[in-house]
């Protein structure tokens, strides 16, 4: 999935179905900060994303990106790849 930057002057030219860097930055800054995302259980994070989608629908395209990144991060920590140095 590609992210598209939408400035205040170009926002009308950005398709509504695409996530924007500005909205993603606001989402993780104000509603889903990194340390919080890393600490809460995944079901609680999924519930919070659903709540955000219902109360602030403009983030509907960005919350799946946060969830996917966190699932991937946790999967990598659960199953670390062997080091090439050994």
C-alpha atoms as a PDB file:
ATOM      1  CA  UNK A   1       0.000   0.000   0.000  1.00  0.00           C
ATOM      2  CA  UNK A   2       1.413   3.390  -0.913  1.00  0.00           C
ATOM      3  CA  UNK A   3       1.289   6.462   1.252  1.00  0.00           C
ATOM      4  CA  UNK A   4       0.526   9.774  -0.387  1.00  0.00           C
ATOM      5  CA  UNK A   5       1.446  13.128   1.058  1.00  0.00           C
ATOM      6  CA  UNK A   6      -1.445  15.545   1.023  1.00  0.00           C
ATOM      7  CA  UNK A   7      -0.731  19.141   1.929  1.00  0.00           C
ATOM      8  CA  UNK A   8      -3.564  21.466   2.805  1.00  0.00           C
ATOM      9  CA  UNK A   9      -3.511  22.885  -0.734  1.00  0.00           C
ATOM     10  CA  UNK A  10      -3.300  19.541  -2.550  1.00  0.00           C
ATOM     11  CA  UNK A  11      -5.699  17.544  -0.405  1.00  0.00           C
ATOM     12  CA  UNK A  12      -8.501  17.783  -2.977  1.00  0.00           C
ATOM     13  CA  UNK A  13      -6.231  16.023  -5.493  1.00  0.00           C
ATOM     14  CA  UNK A  14      -5.619  13.030  -3.203  1.00  0.00           C
ATOM     15  CA  UNK A  15      -8.086  10.144  -3.596  1.00  0.00           C
ATOM     16  CA  UNK A  16     -10.052   9.616  -0.402  1.00  0.00           C
ATOM     17  CA  UNK A  17      -9.310   5.866  -0.326  1.00  0.00           C
ATOM     18  CA  UNK A  18      -5.542   6.328   0.007  1.00  0.00           C
ATOM     19  CA  UNK A  19      -3.801   6.871   3.336  1.00  0.00           C
ATOM     20  CA  UNK A  20      -1.894  10.122   3.686  1.00  0.00           C
ATOM     21  CA  UNK A  21       1.353  10.817   5.513  1.00  0.00           C
ATOM     22  CA  UNK A  22      -0.229  13.781   7.303  1.00  0.00           C
ATOM     23  CA  UNK A  23      -3.112  11.683   8.669  1.00  0.00           C
ATOM     24  CA  UNK A  24      -0.783   8.813   9.600  1.00  0.00           C
ATOM     25  CA  UNK A  25       1.529  11.224  11.428  1.00  0.00           C
ATOM     26  CA  UNK A  26      -1.417  12.720  13.320  1.00  0.00           C
ATOM     27  CA  UNK A  27      -2.788   9.266  14.166  1.00  0.00           C
ATOM     28  CA  UNK A  28       0.454   8.012  15.704  1.00  0.00           C
ATOM     29  CA  UNK A  29       1.224  11.351  17.365  1.00  0.00           C
ATOM     30  CA  UNK A  30      -2.169  11.990  18.969  1.00  0.00           C
ATOM     31  CA  UNK A  31      -4.110   8.717  19.124  1.00  0.00           C
ATOM     32  CA  UNK A  32      -1.794   5.684  18.824  1.00  0.00           C
ATOM     33  CA  UNK A  33       1.693   6.670  20.037  1.00  0.00           C
ATOM     34  CA  UNK A  34       4.394   4.061  19.439  1.00  0.00           C
ATOM     35  CA  UNK A  35       5.098   3.112  23.075  1.00  0.00           C
ATOM     36  CA  UNK A  36       1.385   2.611  23.710  1.00  0.00           C
ATOM     37  CA  UNK A  37       0.992   0.467  20.582  1.00  0.00           C
ATOM     38  CA  UNK A  38       3.927  -1.697  21.660  1.00  0.00           C
ATOM     39  CA  UNK A  39       2.673  -2.222  25.219  1.00  0.00           C
ATOM     40  CA  UNK A  40      -1.013  -3.080  24.791  1.00  0.00           C
ATOM     41  CA  UNK A  41      -2.191  -6.582  23.884  1.00  0.00           C
ATOM     42  CA  UNK A  42      -3.040  -6.975  20.206  1.00  0.00           C
ATOM     43  CA  UNK A  43      -6.793  -7.516  20.798  1.00  0.00           C
ATOM     44  CA  UNK A  44      -6.922  -4.243  22.740  1.00  0.00           C
ATOM     45  CA  UNK A  45      -5.050  -2.435  19.940  1.00  0.00           C
ATOM     46  CA  UNK A  46      -7.518  -3.842  17.403  1.00  0.00           C
ATOM     47  CA  UNK A  47     -10.421  -2.664  19.575  1.00  0.00           C
ATOM     48  CA  UNK A  48      -8.888   0.810  19.874  1.00  0.00           C
ATOM     49  CA  UNK A  49      -8.422   1.019  16.098  1.00  0.00           C
ATOM     50  CA  UNK A  50     -12.076   0.084  15.587  1.00  0.00           C
ATOM     51  CA  UNK A  51     -13.073   2.786  18.049  1.00  0.00           C
ATOM     52  CA  UNK A  52     -10.936   5.341  16.217  1.00  0.00           C
ATOM     53  CA  UNK A  53     -12.463   4.283  12.898  1.00  0.00           C
ATOM     54  CA  UNK A  54     -15.964   4.845  14.290  1.00  0.00           C
ATOM     55  CA  UNK A  55     -15.293   8.137  16.029  1.00  0.00           C
ATOM     56  CA  UNK A  56     -12.807   9.608  13.530  1.00  0.00           C
ATOM     57  CA  UNK A  57     -13.555   8.042  10.138  1.00  0.00           C
ATOM     58  CA  UNK A  58     -10.823   9.996   8.356  1.00  0.00           C
ATOM     59  CA  UNK A  59      -8.294   7.584   9.915  1.00  0.00           C
ATOM     60  CA  UNK A  60      -9.930   4.436   8.448  1.00  0.00           C
ATOM     61  CA  UNK A  61      -7.194   4.080   5.860  1.00  0.00           C
ATOM     62  CA  UNK A  62      -4.354   4.615   8.337  1.00  0.00           C
ATOM     63  CA  UNK A  63      -5.319   2.355  11.259  1.00  0.00           C
ATOM     64  CA  UNK A  64      -4.748  -0.859   9.245  1.00  0.00           C
ATOM     65  CA  UNK A  65      -1.193   0.349   8.533  1.00  0.00           C
ATOM     66  CA  UNK A  66      -0.495   0.733  12.257  1.00  0.00           C
ATOM     67  CA  UNK A  67      -1.973  -2.704  12.974  1.00  0.00           C
ATOM     68  CA  UNK A  68      -0.040  -4.386  10.167  1.00  0.00           C
ATOM     69  CA  UNK A  69       3.242  -2.785  11.254  1.00  0.00           C
ATOM     70  CA  UNK A  70       2.707  -3.837  14.877  1.00  0.00           C
ATOM     71  CA  UNK A  71       1.755  -7.407  13.937  1.00  0.00           C
ATOM     72  CA  UNK A  72       4.884  -7.645  11.782  1.00  0.00           C
ATOM     73  CA  UNK A  73       7.065  -6.169  14.534  1.00  0.00           C
ATOM     74  CA  UNK A  74       5.733  -8.645  17.097  1.00  0.00           C
ATOM     75  CA  UNK A  75       6.099 -11.572  14.710  1.00  0.00           C
ATOM     76  CA  UNK A  76       9.746 -10.676  14.078  1.00  0.00           C
ATOM     77  CA  UNK A  77      10.412 -10.477  17.817  1.00  0.00           C
ATOM     78  CA  UNK A  78       8.684 -13.811  18.409  1.00  0.00           C
ATOM     79  CA  UNK A  79      10.588 -15.558  15.611  1.00  0.00           C
ATOM     80  CA  UNK A  80      13.944 -13.785  15.233  1.00  0.00           C
ATOM     81  CA  UNK A  81      15.985 -14.621  12.158  1.00  0.00           C
ATOM     82  CA  UNK A  82      19.378 -16.257  12.823  1.00  0.00           C
ATOM     83  CA  UNK A  83      22.334 -13.921  12.519  1.00  0.00           C
ATOM     84  CA  UNK A  84      24.560 -14.246   9.464  1.00  0.00           C
ATOM     85  CA  UNK A  85      27.647 -13.666  11.655  1.00  0.00           C
ATOM     86  CA  UNK A  86      27.309 -17.009  13.472  1.00  0.00           C
END
